[in-house]
Amino acid sequence: MSQRTIIRIDGERNSEPSKHEVLSRVHSVSLNFRNIAVATSQYPFSVKHRVGEGVKKFTPGDRGLATFELANLYGQQANWENGQGAPTDGVLREYISIPAASVVKIPKDSPQSFSEWSALVCTGVTVWNALYGNMPLRPGQNVLCLGTRGVSITGVILAKAAGATTIIHLVQRREAPDERRLRYHRRNLKSVGMGGNVLVIGFLSQAKEMPDVASLALAKGAVVRGITVGSTQLLEELTRFVAQKGLRLPVEKEFRFTQEEAVKAYEYMASGSHIGKVCIKIVDCMNVACRSGSFL
């Protein structure tokens, strides 16, 4: 880890929520490549514990998910100024107060773990936005996902549950990143069906060379769309879909909420050797009554 990374893990600290906030106890947090980029200066651009007096949709003991971008309730996000973890403080802590309007309730008796639900906040909503944010996915359509990280595997799970034919393409890592990116962009644009979608998600480094996207998209009548996570409305739709379908989310490994384990979690995420999601469990459900109140 970078020597300029500061990690503080203190005892429980919480304050009363304001009128329209909910104070939540965090149970689990899922990591994304974005967390590594922020920590290394490479970023280019639950259950309710208490509720404020003006909050009507939640009561103490409810479980919920806080949206990734607190100000983006619906539609396209307006800017990058309200994302949790950068530039605002993140959720790797025991308690957090957030606007009630930015929280989505989850079923109390769902089979999914807290870590599974936490995987929806960034990765899951990104995939849902890709599949339903513009031209909704239809049963019988083909969905091709690249790689075996959280977004790709989640994409396969959600698309298959929606009745699509799913394909996952393993990424060859012997090539240099720029060479690999250029080859994949060309292949994807050429292989997309007439009127199809090419969805650009995530980043690793700045591309030095790009194919002629305009000509390739025009030849197929295709839409090339960048995905920037998604709104609270999309998170609510996704949460309802996952609950109704009983889907299990791809959590590969969980770490405990200690300084040593948190560093290990970030290092494991940065290594790129994971398949699926990497999470940090704030609360040990073997020692704490998980149904008593917390936030994801």
Protein backbone atom coordinates (compact mmCIF):
# COMPACT_ATOMS: atom_id res chain seq x y z
CA MET A 1 0.00 0.00 0.00
CA SER A 2 1.11 3.60 -0.56
CA GLN A 3 2.80 5.20 2.46
CA ARG A 4 0.54 8.23 2.09
CA THR A 5 -2.56 6.09 2.74
CA ILE A 6 -3.94 6.78 6.23
CA ILE A 7 -6.06 4.14 7.96
CA ARG A 8 -7.93 4.82 11.18
CA ILE A 9 -10.06 2.20 12.91
CA ASP A 10 -11.44 3.54 16.19
CA GLY A 11 -14.27 2.50 18.46
CA GLU A 12 -17.95 3.19 17.83
CA ARG A 13 -18.81 6.83 17.14
CA ASN A 14 -22.17 8.08 16.04
CA SER A 15 -24.34 11.15 16.35
CA GLU A 16 -28.02 11.88 16.03
CA PRO A 17 -29.25 12.07 12.41
CA SER A 18 -30.70 15.34 11.18
CA LYS A 19 -34.41 15.68 10.42
CA HIS A 20 -34.33 13.96 7.01
CA GLU A 21 -31.41 11.54 7.55
CA VAL A 22 -31.06 7.96 8.71
CA LEU A 23 -28.21 6.88 10.99
CA SER A 24 -27.17 3.43 9.85
CA ARG A 25 -24.87 0.77 11.20
CA VAL A 26 -22.70 -0.53 8.38
CA HIS A 27 -22.53 -4.31 8.04
CA SER A 28 -20.50 -4.85 4.89
CA VAL A 29 -18.71 -2.84 2.21
CA SER A 30 -17.73 -4.10 -1.25
CA LEU A 31 -14.57 -2.81 -2.94
CA ASN A 32 -14.16 -1.67 -6.54
CA PHE A 33 -11.18 -0.74 -8.69
CA ARG A 34 -12.26 2.86 -8.10
CA ASN A 35 -11.23 2.48 -4.43
CA ILE A 36 -7.71 1.49 -5.49
CA ALA A 37 -7.53 4.38 -7.96
CA VAL A 38 -8.54 6.89 -5.27
CA ALA A 39 -6.06 5.48 -2.73
CA THR A 40 -3.20 5.63 -5.24
CA SER A 41 -4.11 9.04 -6.75
CA GLN A 42 -5.07 7.51 -10.11
CA TYR A 43 -8.72 8.55 -10.20
CA PRO A 44 -9.33 10.69 -13.35
CA PHE A 45 -12.56 12.34 -12.83
CA SER A 46 -28.10 -1.86 5.64
CA VAL A 47 -30.42 -1.70 8.48
CA LYS A 48 -31.43 1.62 10.02
CA HIS A 49 -30.12 2.32 13.50
CA ARG A 50 -31.88 5.65 14.06
CA VAL A 51 -33.99 7.90 11.86
CA GLY A 52 -34.52 11.64 11.79
CA GLU A 53 -37.84 13.05 12.94
CA GLY A 54 -38.85 13.93 9.36
CA VAL A 55 -38.20 10.45 7.91
CA LYS A 56 -41.37 8.46 7.13
CA LYS A 57 -40.24 5.60 4.86
CA PHE A 58 -37.92 3.94 7.41
CA THR A 59 -38.16 2.84 11.00
CA PRO A 60 -35.39 1.61 13.32
CA GLY A 61 -34.54 -1.99 12.41
CA ASP A 62 -35.11 -1.64 8.65
CA ARG A 63 -32.32 -2.76 6.34
CA GLY A 64 -31.24 -0.70 3.37
CA LEU A 65 -28.70 0.20 0.72
CA ALA A 66 -27.27 3.69 0.31
CA THR A 67 -26.94 4.76 -3.29
CA PHE A 68 -23.48 5.41 -4.74
CA GLU A 69 -24.14 9.05 -5.68
CA LEU A 70 -26.28 10.58 -2.94
CA ALA A 71 -27.54 13.51 -5.03
CA ASN A 72 -28.49 11.38 -8.06
CA LEU A 73 -32.01 10.26 -7.20
CA TYR A 74 -33.08 9.62 -10.81
CA GLY A 75 -31.85 10.25 -14.35
CA GLN A 76 -28.26 10.95 -15.36
CA GLN A 77 -25.93 12.18 -12.64
CA ALA A 78 -25.13 15.89 -12.97
CA ASN A 79 -21.44 15.79 -11.99
CA TRP A 80 -18.78 13.88 -10.04
CA GLU A 81 -19.08 15.94 -6.85
CA ASN A 82 -21.22 13.65 -4.66
CA GLY A 83 -19.85 10.13 -5.11
CA GLN A 84 -19.30 8.24 -1.86
CA GLY A 85 -15.59 7.51 -1.39
CA ALA A 86 -14.53 10.36 -3.71
CA PRO A 87 -14.89 13.25 -3.34
CA THR A 88 -17.15 12.77 -0.28
CA ASP A 89 -16.25 10.42 2.58
CA GLY A 90 -16.87 6.73 1.96
CA VAL A 91 -18.68 4.08 4.00
CA LEU A 92 -15.83 2.03 5.48
CA ARG A 93 -16.94 2.83 9.02
CA GLU A 94 -19.32 1.55 11.66
CA TYR A 95 -21.98 4.27 11.42
CA ILE A 96 -23.01 6.75 8.76
CA SER A 97 -25.76 9.37 8.48
CA ILE A 98 -27.16 9.84 5.00
CA PRO A 99 -30.27 11.41 3.42
CA ALA A 100 -33.22 9.04 3.70
CA ALA A 101 -34.12 9.75 0.06
CA SER A 102 -30.82 8.15 -1.00
CA VAL A 103 -31.52 4.83 0.75
CA VAL A 104 -33.33 1.83 -0.73
CA LYS A 105 -35.05 -0.66 1.59
CA ILE A 106 -34.21 -4.35 1.22
CA PRO A 107 -36.26 -7.35 2.40
CA LYS A 108 -35.63 -8.34 6.00
CA ASP A 109 -35.78 -12.07 5.35
CA SER A 110 -33.82 -12.25 2.09
CA PRO A 111 -31.32 -15.11 1.67
CA GLN A 112 -28.59 -12.77 0.42
CA SER A 113 -25.83 -11.82 2.85
CA PHE A 114 -24.97 -8.24 3.74
CA SER A 115 -21.89 -8.52 1.53
CA GLU A 116 -24.00 -9.69 -1.41
CA TRP A 117 -26.37 -6.75 -1.05
CA SER A 118 -23.47 -4.32 -0.73
CA ALA A 119 -22.20 -5.55 -4.12
CA LEU A 120 -25.25 -3.93 -5.76
CA VAL A 121 -24.44 -0.34 -4.78
CA CYS A 122 -21.72 0.31 -7.38
CA THR A 123 -21.16 -2.83 -9.46
CA GLY A 124 -24.77 -3.97 -9.56
CA VAL A 125 -26.24 -0.57 -10.40
CA THR A 126 -23.60 -0.06 -13.10
CA VAL A 127 -24.68 -3.31 -14.76
CA TRP A 128 -28.39 -2.52 -14.33
CA ASN A 129 -27.83 0.89 -15.89
CA ALA A 130 -26.05 -0.79 -18.81
CA LEU A 131 -28.90 -3.26 -19.36
CA TYR A 132 -31.89 -1.03 -18.63
CA GLY A 133 -30.77 2.62 -18.40
CA ASN A 134 -31.24 3.43 -22.10
CA MET A 135 -32.69 0.69 -24.32
CA PRO A 136 -34.06 -2.03 -21.98
CA LEU A 137 -32.80 -5.58 -22.40
CA ARG A 138 -35.34 -7.97 -23.92
CA PRO A 139 -35.64 -11.74 -23.38
CA GLY A 140 -33.81 -13.68 -26.08
CA GLN A 141 -31.23 -10.99 -26.81
CA ASN A 142 -27.52 -11.77 -26.62
CA VAL A 143 -25.28 -10.23 -23.94
CA LEU A 144 -21.48 -10.53 -24.18
CA CYS A 145 -19.43 -9.71 -21.06
CA LEU A 146 -15.65 -9.35 -21.00
CA GLY A 147 -13.51 -10.76 -18.20
CA THR A 148 -14.30 -12.38 -14.85
CA ARG A 149 -14.40 -9.43 -12.47
CA GLY A 150 -17.43 -8.20 -10.56
CA VAL A 151 -19.11 -6.26 -13.37
CA SER A 152 -18.83 -9.07 -15.92
CA ILE A 153 -20.03 -11.84 -13.62
CA THR A 154 -22.85 -9.68 -12.26
CA GLY A 155 -23.80 -8.84 -15.84
CA VAL A 156 -24.09 -12.52 -16.71
CA ILE A 157 -26.21 -13.21 -13.61
CA LEU A 158 -28.65 -10.35 -14.21
CA ALA A 159 -28.93 -10.81 -17.99
CA LYS A 160 -29.50 -14.56 -17.69
CA ALA A 161 -32.20 -14.01 -15.06
CA ALA A 162 -33.86 -11.58 -17.48
CA GLY A 163 -34.05 -14.25 -20.20
CA ALA A 164 -31.06 -13.22 -22.32
CA THR A 165 -28.48 -15.51 -23.90
CA THR A 166 -25.24 -14.76 -22.05
CA ILE A 167 -21.63 -15.14 -23.20
CA ILE A 168 -18.52 -14.40 -21.15
CA HIS A 169 -15.17 -13.83 -22.88
CA LEU A 170 -12.00 -14.48 -20.89
CA VAL A 171 -9.41 -11.72 -21.16
CA GLN A 172 -5.89 -12.55 -22.30
CA ARG A 173 -3.43 -10.59 -20.14
CA ARG A 174 -0.22 -11.36 -22.00
CA GLU A 175 -0.65 -8.28 -24.18
CA ALA A 176 0.10 -4.72 -23.12
CA PRO A 177 -3.02 -2.91 -21.81
CA ASP A 178 -3.21 -0.44 -24.71
CA GLU A 179 -2.79 -3.19 -27.31
CA ARG A 180 -5.40 -5.35 -25.60
CA ARG A 181 -7.87 -2.47 -25.27
CA LEU A 182 -7.53 -1.52 -28.95
CA ARG A 183 -8.03 -5.10 -30.10
CA TYR A 184 -11.12 -5.57 -27.89
CA HIS A 185 -12.70 -2.30 -28.97
CA ARG A 186 -12.32 -3.22 -32.61
CA ARG A 187 -13.63 -6.74 -32.07
CA ASN A 188 -16.62 -5.60 -30.00
CA LEU A 189 -17.70 -2.95 -32.47
CA LYS A 190 -17.41 -5.37 -35.39
CA SER A 191 -19.25 -8.20 -33.62
CA VAL A 192 -22.21 -6.20 -32.29
CA GLY A 193 -25.51 -6.86 -34.05
CA MET A 194 -27.34 -4.30 -36.14
CA GLY A 195 -28.87 -1.72 -33.80
CA GLY A 196 -27.02 -3.22 -30.83
CA ASN A 197 -25.32 -1.62 -27.84
CA VAL A 198 -21.64 -1.34 -26.93
CA LEU A 199 -21.40 -0.40 -23.26
CA VAL A 200 -18.16 1.12 -21.98
CA ILE A 201 -17.67 0.49 -18.25
CA GLY A 202 -14.74 1.26 -15.98
CA PHE A 203 -11.17 2.32 -16.65
CA LEU A 204 -7.61 1.10 -16.13
CA SER A 205 -5.48 3.71 -17.87
CA GLN A 206 -5.77 6.39 -20.53
CA ALA A 207 -5.99 4.84 -24.02
CA LYS A 208 -3.29 6.05 -26.42
CA GLU A 209 -5.01 4.74 -29.52
CA MET A 210 -8.64 4.09 -30.38
CA PRO A 211 -10.40 2.53 -33.38
CA ASP A 212 -12.61 4.58 -35.69
CA VAL A 213 -15.62 4.37 -33.37
CA ALA A 214 -17.81 6.67 -35.45
CA SER A 215 -17.47 4.62 -38.66
CA LEU A 216 -17.85 1.26 -36.92
CA ALA A 217 -20.94 2.43 -34.98
CA LEU A 218 -22.48 3.95 -38.10
CA ALA A 219 -21.98 0.73 -40.08
CA LYS A 220 -23.99 -1.22 -37.48
CA GLY A 221 -26.42 1.50 -36.40
CA ALA A 222 -25.06 0.75 -32.94
CA VAL A 223 -25.10 2.83 -29.76
CA VAL A 224 -21.77 3.27 -27.95
CA ARG A 225 -22.60 4.38 -24.41
CA GLY A 226 -20.45 5.15 -21.39
CA ILE A 227 -21.86 3.97 -18.06
CA THR A 228 -21.36 6.05 -14.88
CA VAL A 229 -22.88 3.89 -12.13
CA GLY A 230 -26.58 4.87 -11.72
CA SER A 231 -29.29 6.60 -9.73
CA THR A 232 -31.22 5.72 -6.59
CA GLN A 233 -34.17 4.84 -8.85
CA LEU A 234 -32.05 2.26 -10.70
CA LEU A 235 -30.80 0.83 -7.38
CA GLU A 236 -34.41 0.44 -6.24
CA GLU A 237 -35.35 -1.38 -9.48
CA LEU A 238 -32.31 -3.64 -9.19
CA THR A 239 -32.94 -4.45 -5.52
CA ARG A 240 -36.52 -5.44 -6.30
CA PHE A 241 -35.38 -7.61 -9.25
CA VAL A 242 -32.69 -9.42 -7.21
CA ALA A 243 -35.11 -10.03 -4.34
CA GLN A 244 -37.92 -11.34 -6.57
CA LYS A 245 -35.58 -13.63 -8.52
CA GLY A 246 -33.68 -14.78 -5.42
CA LEU A 247 -30.37 -14.09 -7.15
CA ARG A 248 -27.08 -14.69 -5.34
CA LEU A 249 -24.33 -12.16 -5.96
CA PRO A 250 -20.69 -13.07 -6.73
CA VAL A 251 -18.80 -12.37 -3.49
CA GLU A 252 -15.45 -14.14 -3.72
CA LYS A 253 -13.72 -13.12 -0.52
CA GLU A 254 -14.56 -11.29 2.72
CA PHE A 255 -12.11 -9.53 5.05
CA ARG A 256 -12.66 -8.37 8.64
CA PHE A 257 -12.80 -4.73 9.72
CA THR A 258 -9.35 -4.37 11.28
CA GLN A 259 -6.39 -2.31 10.08
CA GLU A 260 -4.45 -5.41 9.03
CA GLU A 261 -7.42 -7.00 7.24
CA ALA A 262 -8.49 -3.76 5.54
CA VAL A 263 -5.01 -3.32 4.09
CA LYS A 264 -5.06 -6.94 2.92
CA ALA A 265 -8.42 -6.37 1.24
CA TYR A 266 -7.10 -3.37 -0.69
CA GLU A 267 -3.93 -5.24 -1.64
CA TYR A 268 -5.94 -8.24 -2.84
CA MET A 269 -8.19 -5.95 -4.87
CA ALA A 270 -5.17 -4.16 -6.37
CA SER A 271 -3.53 -7.47 -7.33
CA GLY A 272 -6.25 -8.14 -9.88
CA SER A 273 -6.36 -11.84 -8.99
CA HIS A 274 -9.94 -11.81 -7.72
CA ILE A 275 -12.98 -13.26 -9.48
CA GLY A 276 -16.17 -11.56 -8.37
CA LYS A 277 -16.44 -9.11 -5.47
CA VAL A 278 -14.09 -8.40 -2.56
CA CYS A 279 -15.82 -7.21 0.62
CA ILE A 280 -14.97 -5.98 4.12
CA LYS A 281 -17.38 -7.13 6.83
CA ILE A 282 -17.87 -4.43 9.43
CA VAL A 283 -20.03 -6.57 11.71
CA ASP A 284 -19.41 -10.22 12.51
CA CYS A 285 -22.86 -11.82 12.17
CA MET A 286 -21.77 -14.73 14.36
CA ASN A 287 -21.42 -12.35 17.31
CA VAL A 288 -24.01 -9.67 16.53
CA ALA A 289 -27.74 -10.02 15.86
CA CYS A 290 -27.70 -9.02 12.17
CA ARG A 291 -31.43 -8.41 12.05
CA SER A 292 -31.27 -5.88 14.86
CA GLY A 293 -30.26 -2.91 12.74
CA SER A 294 -27.61 -2.05 10.18
CA PHE A 295 -26.72 -0.56 6.81
CA LEU A 296 -24.95 -1.96 3.76
